[in-house]
């Protein structure tokens, strides 16, 4: 009689393991999509604000001078 049993059977159901891994993959894909959407929305808001500032600068020489000085300082 043996004093131990050497079992090669897994105690996890392979279908459950695959489903869990798939759920984790989908969650990571969803997080990536959400982050990309947030970045896109933020860039669109910034573009609208830049457009407003540019239109104001076209009508006001002081704002245009400020923008010009800021742009010249960027290259340094």
Protein backbone atom coordinates (compact mmCIF):
# COMPACT_ATOMS: atom_id res chain seq x y z
CA UNK A 1 0.00 0.00 0.00
CA UNK A 2 1.27 3.50 -0.81
CA UNK A 3 1.53 6.22 1.77
CA UNK A 4 0.72 9.07 -0.63
CA UNK A 5 -1.11 9.71 -3.86
CA UNK A 6 0.58 11.52 -6.74
CA UNK A 7 -2.26 13.20 -8.60
CA UNK A 8 -1.64 15.04 -11.86
CA UNK A 9 -5.19 16.33 -12.02
CA UNK A 10 -5.74 20.06 -11.71
CA UNK A 11 -8.09 21.34 -9.04
CA UNK A 12 -9.07 24.29 -11.26
CA UNK A 13 -11.61 23.94 -14.02
CA UNK A 14 -9.90 24.89 -17.30
CA UNK A 15 -13.05 26.60 -18.64
CA UNK A 16 -13.29 28.80 -15.55
CA UNK A 17 -9.60 29.68 -15.82
CA UNK A 18 -9.99 30.63 -19.50
CA UNK A 19 -13.10 32.69 -18.75
CA UNK A 20 -11.30 34.52 -15.94
CA UNK A 21 -8.32 35.30 -18.21
CA UNK A 22 -10.69 36.51 -20.92
CA UNK A 23 -12.47 38.78 -18.44
CA UNK A 24 -9.13 40.25 -17.37
CA UNK A 25 -8.18 40.83 -21.00
CA UNK A 26 -11.49 42.55 -21.75
CA UNK A 27 -11.13 44.71 -18.64
CA UNK A 28 -7.65 45.81 -19.70
CA UNK A 29 -8.94 46.56 -23.27
CA UNK A 30 -11.83 48.57 -21.75
CA UNK A 31 -9.43 50.55 -19.54
CA UNK A 32 -7.27 51.34 -22.57
CA UNK A 33 -10.28 52.51 -24.58
CA UNK A 34 -11.50 54.70 -21.69
CA UNK A 35 -8.07 56.29 -21.28
CA UNK A 36 -7.85 56.94 -25.02
CA UNK A 37 -11.31 58.52 -25.06
CA UNK A 38 -10.45 60.77 -22.12
CA UNK A 39 -7.24 61.88 -23.84
CA UNK A 40 -9.17 62.59 -27.06
CA UNK A 41 -11.82 64.64 -25.21
CA UNK A 42 -9.09 66.59 -23.43
CA UNK A 43 -7.28 67.33 -26.70
CA UNK A 44 -10.52 68.49 -28.33
CA UNK A 45 -11.20 70.86 -25.42
CA UNK A 46 -7.67 72.22 -25.68
CA UNK A 47 -8.07 72.73 -29.44
CA UNK A 48 -11.30 74.69 -28.91
CA UNK A 49 -9.62 76.86 -26.28
CA UNK A 50 -6.62 77.44 -28.57
CA UNK A 51 -8.98 78.49 -31.36
CA UNK A 52 -10.73 80.98 -29.05
CA UNK A 53 -7.42 82.44 -27.93
CA UNK A 54 -6.20 82.74 -31.52
CA UNK A 55 -9.41 84.48 -32.61
CA UNK A 56 -9.12 86.89 -29.68
CA UNK A 57 -5.47 87.55 -30.59
CA UNK A 58 -6.45 88.43 -34.15
CA UNK A 59 -8.64 91.20 -32.75
CA UNK A 60 -6.40 92.39 -29.90
CA UNK A 61 -2.75 93.32 -30.56
CA UNK A 62 -1.83 92.90 -26.89
CA UNK A 63 -2.86 89.25 -26.90
CA UNK A 64 -1.00 88.70 -30.18
CA UNK A 65 2.12 90.26 -28.66
CA UNK A 66 1.81 87.93 -25.63
CA UNK A 67 1.46 84.91 -27.90
CA UNK A 68 4.42 86.03 -29.99
CA UNK A 69 6.62 86.43 -26.90
CA UNK A 70 5.49 83.04 -25.56
CA UNK A 71 6.23 81.32 -28.87
CA UNK A 72 9.69 82.89 -29.10
CA UNK A 73 10.45 81.73 -25.56
CA UNK A 74 9.52 78.13 -26.40
CA UNK A 75 12.49 77.62 -28.69
CA UNK A 76 15.03 78.32 -25.97
